[in-house]
Amino acid sequence: MSAVSLPPPRSASSLRSLTAARARELLAGDALAIDLRPVGDYLAGHIHGSIPLLFEAGPGLGGRARDLLPLDARLVLLDDGTSPLERAADSFRGKGFDVVGTLAGGVKAWADPLVTTPVIQLADARDVLALINVSDPGTALPPGHGVGASIPVERLWDKASELGRNWDLGILAGYGVRAAAAVGILEKLGFTKLTFVRTLRPGERPPMAPAVVFRAGGPA
């Protein structure tokens, strides 16, 4: 009788499934919660101090984490039921991060009330808001709008002490991915008065610099 060919066994998941209680213990220490949902979902309701890193295939996710997070941070991934957690974990581990596990159920498993970040258009920003430019790609400031501070989001962990703890901070957003990360970072650092300020309207593109025509001898 000929041997029957069996499919190779599936490899066991390399991600530990964490209870909400265990995730809470880790996040009370040096771990960071990583939210992989779209920016709008994150702003509508998220775990306090969690960092949004929108999932995308390819090297972008790991590179963004390397740019925005302390390299010695331990990561707890929030299971949103959609994002491929194993692929996300591989991206983070490929940049040297320690992924300690995933919170089953994600934000739905969190007992504390979720944080909702107000979202407004720049034209509706109150004068009392201290506008913070975190160099989110696509950010466009029309004439007449000043900026209280300019700190690239990559440097917020070290430079946030330059911001007043009691300030009403308006985080300037263009396309929004890094600006949303700035919201999570500032929450983790203890800031409580945060507003997401869109400088672009839905579907709007930032103004492009005028084209420069080069001819022999230099620009025309």
C-alpha atoms as a PDB file:
ATOM      1  CA  MET A   1       0.000   0.000   0.000  1.00  0.00           C
ATOM      2  CA  SER A   2       1.375   3.363  -0.947  1.00  0.00           C
ATOM      3  CA  ALA A   3       2.020   5.906   1.763  1.00  0.00           C
ATOM      4  CA  VAL A   4      -0.537   8.662   2.229  1.00  0.00           C
ATOM      5  CA  SER A   5       0.903  12.157   1.870  1.00  0.00           C
ATOM      6  CA  LEU A   6      -0.195  14.418   4.704  1.00  0.00           C
ATOM      7  CA  PRO A   7       0.013  18.223   4.714  1.00  0.00           C
ATOM      8  CA  PRO A   8       2.734  19.654   6.947  1.00  0.00           C
ATOM      9  CA  PRO A   9       1.543  20.633  10.422  1.00  0.00           C
ATOM     10  CA  ARG A  10       0.705  24.246  10.924  1.00  0.00           C
ATOM     11  CA  SER A  11       3.202  26.170  12.957  1.00  0.00           C
ATOM     12  CA  ALA A  12       1.956  27.318  16.326  1.00  0.00           C
ATOM     13  CA  SER A  13       1.288  31.009  16.750  1.00  0.00           C
ATOM     14  CA  SER A  14       4.299  32.887  18.047  1.00  0.00           C
ATOM     15  CA  LEU A  15       2.026  35.419  19.763  1.00  0.00           C
ATOM     16  CA  ARG A  16       0.843  34.922  23.319  1.00  0.00           C
ATOM     17  CA  SER A  17      -2.806  35.726  23.945  1.00  0.00           C
ATOM     18  CA  LEU A  18      -2.993  38.002  26.973  1.00  0.00           C
ATOM     19  CA  THR A  19      -5.885  38.519  29.338  1.00  0.00           C
ATOM     20  CA  ALA A  20      -6.994  42.075  30.014  1.00  0.00           C
ATOM     21  CA  ALA A  21      -5.603  41.771  33.536  1.00  0.00           C
ATOM     22  CA  ARG A  22      -2.164  40.698  32.302  1.00  0.00           C
ATOM     23  CA  ALA A  23      -2.147  43.383  29.619  1.00  0.00           C
ATOM     24  CA  ARG A  24      -2.983  45.968  32.279  1.00  0.00           C
ATOM     25  CA  GLU A  25      -0.001  44.827  34.373  1.00  0.00           C
ATOM     26  CA  LEU A  26       2.337  45.116  31.398  1.00  0.00           C
ATOM     27  CA  LEU A  27       1.030  48.533  30.348  1.00  0.00           C
ATOM     28  CA  ALA A  28       1.411  49.827  33.899  1.00  0.00           C
ATOM     29  CA  GLY A  29       5.114  49.076  33.472  1.00  0.00           C
ATOM     30  CA  ASP A  30       7.255  49.717  30.421  1.00  0.00           C
ATOM     31  CA  ALA A  31       5.045  48.119  27.753  1.00  0.00           C
ATOM     32  CA  LEU A  32       3.157  50.050  25.074  1.00  0.00           C
ATOM     33  CA  ALA A  33      -0.236  49.133  23.626  1.00  0.00           C
ATOM     34  CA  ILE A  34      -0.189  49.223  19.819  1.00  0.00           C
ATOM     35  CA  ASP A  35      -3.473  49.979  18.051  1.00  0.00           C
ATOM     36  CA  LEU A  36      -3.441  48.887  14.385  1.00  0.00           C
ATOM     37  CA  ARG A  37      -6.864  50.271  13.379  1.00  0.00           C
ATOM     38  CA  PRO A  38      -7.472  53.195  10.999  1.00  0.00           C
ATOM     39  CA  VAL A  39      -6.865  56.640  12.454  1.00  0.00           C
ATOM     40  CA  GLY A  40     -10.562  57.562  12.568  1.00  0.00           C
ATOM     41  CA  ASP A  41     -11.442  54.461  14.598  1.00  0.00           C
ATOM     42  CA  TYR A  42      -8.594  55.159  17.000  1.00  0.00           C
ATOM     43  CA  LEU A  43      -9.636  58.763  17.597  1.00  0.00           C
ATOM     44  CA  ALA A  44     -13.271  57.709  18.120  1.00  0.00           C
ATOM     45  CA  GLY A  45     -12.319  55.427  21.016  1.00  0.00           C
ATOM     46  CA  HIS A  46      -9.014  53.998  22.233  1.00  0.00           C
ATOM     47  CA  ILE A  47      -7.211  52.734  25.313  1.00  0.00           C
ATOM     48  CA  HIS A  48      -5.573  55.618  27.130  1.00  0.00           C
ATOM     49  CA  GLY A  49      -1.928  55.927  26.146  1.00  0.00           C
ATOM     50  CA  SER A  50      -2.102  53.379  23.335  1.00  0.00           C
ATOM     51  CA  ILE A  51      -0.096  54.237  20.227  1.00  0.00           C
ATOM     52  CA  PRO A  52      -1.790  53.981  16.815  1.00  0.00           C
ATOM     53  CA  LEU A  53       0.411  52.483  14.109  1.00  0.00           C
ATOM     54  CA  LEU A  54      -1.916  51.881  11.180  1.00  0.00           C
ATOM     55  CA  PHE A  55      -1.252  48.410   9.766  1.00  0.00           C
ATOM     56  CA  GLU A  56       0.113  48.265   6.260  1.00  0.00           C
ATOM     57  CA  ALA A  57       1.856  45.497   4.366  1.00  0.00           C
ATOM     58  CA  GLY A  58       5.532  45.901   3.603  1.00  0.00           C
ATOM     59  CA  PRO A  59       8.298  47.649   5.509  1.00  0.00           C
ATOM     60  CA  GLY A  60       6.319  50.786   6.377  1.00  0.00           C
ATOM     61  CA  LEU A  61       4.852  49.512   9.650  1.00  0.00           C
ATOM     62  CA  GLY A  62       8.131  48.399  11.210  1.00  0.00           C
ATOM     63  CA  GLY A  63       9.903  51.513   9.983  1.00  0.00           C
ATOM     64  CA  ARG A  64       7.243  53.751  11.498  1.00  0.00           C
ATOM     65  CA  ALA A  65       7.570  51.928  14.822  1.00  0.00           C
ATOM     66  CA  ARG A  66      11.359  52.333  14.725  1.00  0.00           C
ATOM     67  CA  ASP A  67      10.925  56.064  14.112  1.00  0.00           C
ATOM     68  CA  LEU A  68       8.216  56.699  16.712  1.00  0.00           C
ATOM     69  CA  LEU A  69       8.787  54.313  19.623  1.00  0.00           C
ATOM     70  CA  PRO A  70      11.611  53.791  22.097  1.00  0.00           C
ATOM     71  CA  LEU A  71      13.569  50.809  20.810  1.00  0.00           C
ATOM     72  CA  ASP A  72      13.584  49.167  24.251  1.00  0.00           C
ATOM     73  CA  ALA A  73       9.771  49.288  24.510  1.00  0.00           C
ATOM     74  CA  ARG A  74       7.874  46.027  24.887  1.00  0.00           C
ATOM     75  CA  LEU A  75       4.786  45.919  22.688  1.00  0.00           C
ATOM     76  CA  VAL A  76       1.277  44.614  23.356  1.00  0.00           C
ATOM     77  CA  LEU A  77      -0.718  44.365  20.131  1.00  0.00           C
ATOM     78  CA  LEU A  78      -4.450  45.051  20.323  1.00  0.00           C
ATOM     79  CA  ASP A  79      -6.460  42.449  18.428  1.00  0.00           C
ATOM     80  CA  ASP A  80      -9.040  44.352  16.354  1.00  0.00           C
ATOM     81  CA  GLY A  81     -10.302  41.250  14.579  1.00  0.00           C
ATOM     82  CA  THR A  82      -9.054  42.484  11.202  1.00  0.00           C
ATOM     83  CA  SER A  83      -5.361  43.321  11.274  1.00  0.00           C
ATOM     84  CA  PRO A  84      -3.017  40.352  10.641  1.00  0.00           C
ATOM     85  CA  LEU A  85      -1.292  40.273  14.013  1.00  0.00           C
ATOM     86  CA  GLU A  86       1.390  37.747  13.113  1.00  0.00           C
ATOM     87  CA  ARG A  87       2.543  39.865  10.183  1.00  0.00           C
ATOM     88  CA  ALA A  88       2.495  42.989  12.320  1.00  0.00           C
ATOM     89  CA  ALA A  89       4.526  41.223  15.015  1.00  0.00           C
ATOM     90  CA  ASP A  90       7.065  40.101  12.424  1.00  0.00           C
ATOM     91  CA  SER A  91       7.425  43.704  11.225  1.00  0.00           C
ATOM     92  CA  PHE A  92       8.066  44.955  14.747  1.00  0.00           C
ATOM     93  CA  ARG A  93      10.424  42.134  15.648  1.00  0.00           C
ATOM     94  CA  GLY A  94      12.320  42.752  12.441  1.00  0.00           C
ATOM     95  CA  LYS A  95      13.198  46.200  13.812  1.00  0.00           C
ATOM     96  CA  GLY A  96      14.303  44.801  17.165  1.00  0.00           C
ATOM     97  CA  PHE A  97      11.137  45.221  19.253  1.00  0.00           C
ATOM     98  CA  ASP A  98       9.989  42.721  21.851  1.00  0.00           C
ATOM     99  CA  VAL A  99       6.354  41.813  21.093  1.00  0.00           C
ATOM    100  CA  VAL A 100       5.130  40.230  24.320  1.00  0.00           C
ATOM    101  CA  GLY A 101       1.662  39.275  23.154  1.00  0.00           C
ATOM    102  CA  THR A 102      -1.741  40.378  21.979  1.00  0.00           C
ATOM    103  CA  LEU A 103      -4.811  41.489  23.899  1.00  0.00           C
ATOM    104  CA  ALA A 104      -7.652  39.264  22.741  1.00  0.00           C
ATOM    105  CA  GLY A 105     -10.672  41.385  21.957  1.00  0.00           C
ATOM    106  CA  GLY A 106      -8.612  44.565  21.731  1.00  0.00           C
ATOM    107  CA  VAL A 107     -10.363  47.707  22.908  1.00  0.00           C
ATOM    108  CA  LYS A 108     -13.601  45.750  23.420  1.00  0.00           C
ATOM    109  CA  ALA A 109     -11.897  43.748  26.172  1.00  0.00           C
ATOM    110  CA  TRP A 110     -10.791  46.852  28.075  1.00  0.00           C
ATOM    111  CA  ALA A 111     -12.851  47.530  31.194  1.00  0.00           C
ATOM    112  CA  ASP A 112     -12.011  51.217  31.540  1.00  0.00           C
ATOM    113  CA  PRO A 113     -13.885  53.790  29.438  1.00  0.00           C
ATOM    114  CA  LEU A 114     -12.201  54.400  26.110  1.00  0.00           C
ATOM    115  CA  VAL A 115     -10.716  57.807  25.326  1.00  0.00           C
ATOM    116  CA  THR A 116     -12.283  59.857  22.552  1.00  0.00           C
ATOM    117  CA  THR A 117     -10.061  62.543  21.017  1.00  0.00           C
ATOM    118  CA  PRO A 118     -11.912  65.636  19.728  1.00  0.00           C
ATOM    119  CA  VAL A 119     -11.388  66.221  16.007  1.00  0.00           C
ATOM    120  CA  ILE A 120     -11.852  69.677  14.485  1.00  0.00           C
ATOM    121  CA  GLN A 121     -10.892  71.584  11.359  1.00  0.00           C
ATOM    122  CA  LEU A 122      -8.209  74.230  11.674  1.00  0.00           C
ATOM    123  CA  ALA A 123     -10.728  76.930  10.740  1.00  0.00           C
ATOM    124  CA  ASP A 124     -12.735  75.997  13.850  1.00  0.00           C
ATOM    125  CA  ALA A 125      -9.771  75.911  16.243  1.00  0.00           C
ATOM    126  CA  ARG A 126     -10.273  78.041  19.330  1.00  0.00           C
ATOM    127  CA  ASP A 127      -7.733  80.731  20.109  1.00  0.00           C
ATOM    128  CA  VAL A 128      -6.954  79.034  23.437  1.00  0.00           C
ATOM    129  CA  LEU A 129      -5.500  75.980  21.659  1.00  0.00           C
ATOM    130  CA  ALA A 130      -1.712  75.813  21.564  1.00  0.00           C
ATOM    131  CA  LEU A 131      -1.135  74.452  18.056  1.00  0.00           C
ATOM    132  CA  ILE A 132       1.646  71.872  17.899  1.00  0.00           C
ATOM    133  CA  ASN A 133       3.244  70.982  14.581  1.00  0.00           C
ATOM    134  CA  VAL A 134       4.494  67.382  14.786  1.00  0.00           C
ATOM    135  CA  SER A 135       5.521  67.309  11.108  1.00  0.00           C
ATOM    136  CA  ASP A 136       2.676  65.046  10.040  1.00  0.00           C
ATOM    137  CA  PRO A 137       2.949  64.628   6.238  1.00  0.00           C
ATOM    138  CA  GLY A 138       0.466  66.803   4.368  1.00  0.00           C
ATOM    139  CA  THR A 139       0.044  69.382   7.125  1.00  0.00           C
ATOM    140  CA  ALA A 140      -0.887  72.691   5.515  1.00  0.00           C
ATOM    141  CA  LEU A 141      -1.171  75.934   7.487  1.00  0.00           C
ATOM    142  CA  PRO A 142      -3.056  78.739   5.729  1.00  0.00           C
ATOM    143  CA  PRO A 143      -1.738  82.280   6.281  1.00  0.00           C
ATOM    144  CA  GLY A 144      -2.704  83.798   9.588  1.00  0.00           C
ATOM    145  CA  HIS A 145      -2.382  80.666  11.712  1.00  0.00           C
ATOM    146  CA  GLY A 146       0.523  80.597  14.109  1.00  0.00           C
ATOM    147  CA  VAL A 147       2.133  77.550  15.704  1.00  0.00           C
ATOM    148  CA  GLY A 148       2.859  77.345  19.408  1.00  0.00           C
ATOM    149  CA  ALA A 149       5.605  74.737  19.070  1.00  0.00           C
ATOM    150  CA  SER A 150       7.191  72.588  16.368  1.00  0.00           C
ATOM    151  CA  ILE A 151       8.343  69.192  17.606  1.00  0.00           C
ATOM    152  CA  PRO A 152       8.619  66.315  15.116  1.00  0.00           C
ATOM    153  CA  VAL A 153       6.688  63.358  16.478  1.00  0.00           C
ATOM    154  CA  GLU A 154       9.908  61.308  16.390  1.00  0.00           C
ATOM    155  CA  ARG A 155      11.281  63.547  19.158  1.00  0.00           C
ATOM    156  CA  LEU A 156       8.190  63.860  21.344  1.00  0.00           C
ATOM    157  CA  TRP A 157       9.381  61.340  23.931  1.00  0.00           C
ATOM    158  CA  ASP A 158      12.378  63.590  24.664  1.00  0.00           C
ATOM    159  CA  LYS A 159      10.955  67.040  23.886  1.00  0.00           C
ATOM    160  CA  ALA A 160       7.428  66.920  25.339  1.00  0.00           C
ATOM    161  CA  SER A 161       8.725  68.513  28.544  1.00  0.00           C
ATOM    162  CA  GLU A 162       8.859  71.770  26.561  1.00  0.00           C
ATOM    163  CA  LEU A 163       5.039  71.765  26.505  1.00  0.00           C
ATOM    164  CA  GLY A 164       2.933  72.974  29.404  1.00  0.00           C
ATOM    165  CA  ARG A 165       1.098  70.184  31.235  1.00  0.00           C
ATOM    166  CA  ASN A 166      -2.032  72.333  31.508  1.00  0.00           C
ATOM    167  CA  TRP A 167      -2.025  73.608  27.931  1.00  0.00           C
ATOM    168  CA  ASP A 168      -4.910  72.814  25.622  1.00  0.00           C
ATOM    169  CA  LEU A 169      -2.876  71.225  22.844  1.00  0.00           C
ATOM    170  CA  GLY A 170      -4.033  71.140  19.240  1.00  0.00           C
ATOM    171  CA  ILE A 171      -2.094  68.498  17.288  1.00  0.00           C
ATOM    172  CA  LEU A 172      -1.855  69.647  13.674  1.00  0.00           C
ATOM    173  CA  ALA A 173      -2.675  66.851  11.231  1.00  0.00           C
ATOM    174  CA  GLY A 174      -2.315  66.461   7.500  1.00  0.00           C
ATOM    175  CA  TYR A 175      -2.821  62.852   6.433  1.00  0.00           C
ATOM    176  CA  GLY A 176      -3.042  62.060  10.125  1.00  0.00           C
ATOM    177  CA  VAL A 177      -1.088  58.858  10.792  1.00  0.00           C
ATOM    178  CA  ARG A 178       1.832  60.449  12.633  1.00  0.00           C
ATOM    179  CA  ALA A 179      -0.363  63.114  14.219  1.00  0.00           C
ATOM    180  CA  ALA A 180      -2.532  60.350  15.703  1.00  0.00           C
ATOM    181  CA  ALA A 181       0.627  58.692  17.024  1.00  0.00           C
ATOM    182  CA  ALA A 182       1.502  62.009  18.654  1.00  0.00           C
ATOM    183  CA  VAL A 183      -1.849  61.918  20.467  1.00  0.00           C
ATOM    184  CA  GLY A 184      -1.057  58.491  21.909  1.00  0.00           C
ATOM    185  CA  ILE A 185       2.506  59.440  22.864  1.00  0.00           C
ATOM    186  CA  LEU A 186       1.397  62.598  24.648  1.00  0.00           C
ATOM    187  CA  GLU A 187      -1.329  60.676  26.491  1.00  0.00           C
ATOM    188  CA  LYS A 188       1.248  58.120  27.608  1.00  0.00           C
ATOM    189  CA  LEU A 189       3.424  60.974  28.869  1.00  0.00           C
ATOM    190  CA  GLY A 190       0.578  62.357  30.969  1.00  0.00           C
ATOM    191  CA  PHE A 191      -0.949  65.106  28.809  1.00  0.00           C
ATOM    192  CA  THR A 192      -4.733  65.208  29.051  1.00  0.00           C
ATOM    193  CA  LYS A 193      -5.993  68.157  26.970  1.00  0.00           C
ATOM    194  CA  LEU A 194      -5.507  67.039  23.383  1.00  0.00           C
ATOM    195  CA  THR A 195      -7.386  67.933  20.198  1.00  0.00           C
ATOM    196  CA  PHE A 196      -6.720  66.552  16.718  1.00  0.00           C
ATOM    197  CA  VAL A 197      -6.706  69.536  14.344  1.00  0.00           C
ATOM    198  CA  ARG A 198      -7.105  68.761  10.655  1.00  0.00           C
ATOM    199  CA  THR A 199      -5.475  71.246   8.297  1.00  0.00           C
ATOM    200  CA  LEU A 200      -6.866  69.458   5.233  1.00  0.00           C
ATOM    201  CA  ARG A 201     -10.493  68.790   4.432  1.00  0.00           C
ATOM    202  CA  PRO A 202     -11.525  65.280   3.333  1.00  0.00           C
ATOM    203  CA  GLY A 203     -10.078  64.554  -0.099  1.00  0.00           C
ATOM    204  CA  GLU A 204      -8.015  67.737  -0.135  1.00  0.00           C
ATOM    205  CA  ARG A 205      -4.360  67.582  -1.112  1.00  0.00           C
ATOM    206  CA  PRO A 206      -1.728  69.904   0.352  1.00  0.00           C
ATOM    207  CA  PRO A 207      -0.596  72.778  -1.860  1.00  0.00           C
ATOM    208  CA  MET A 208       2.288  71.899  -4.131  1.00  0.00           C
ATOM    209  CA  ALA A 209       5.353  74.061  -4.514  1.00  0.00           C
ATOM    210  CA  PRO A 210       5.460  75.852  -7.872  1.00  0.00           C
ATOM    211  CA  ALA A 211       7.372  73.994 -10.549  1.00  0.00           C
ATOM    212  CA  VAL A 212      10.887  75.211 -11.288  1.00  0.00           C
ATOM    213  CA  VAL A 213      11.997  75.053 -14.916  1.00  0.00           C
ATOM    214  CA  PHE A 214      15.716  74.417 -15.304  1.00  0.00           C
ATOM    215  CA  ARG A 215      17.562  75.616 -18.360  1.00  0.00           C
ATOM    216  CA  ALA A 216      21.218  75.859 -19.176  1.00  0.00           C
ATOM    217  CA  GLY A 217      22.778  78.228 -16.690  1.00  0.00           C
ATOM    218  CA  GLY A 218      20.250  77.620 -13.875  1.00  0.00           C
ATOM    219  CA  PRO A 219      16.529  77.966 -13.110  1.00  0.00           C
ATOM    220  CA  ALA A 220      14.449  80.001 -15.533  1.00  0.00           C
END
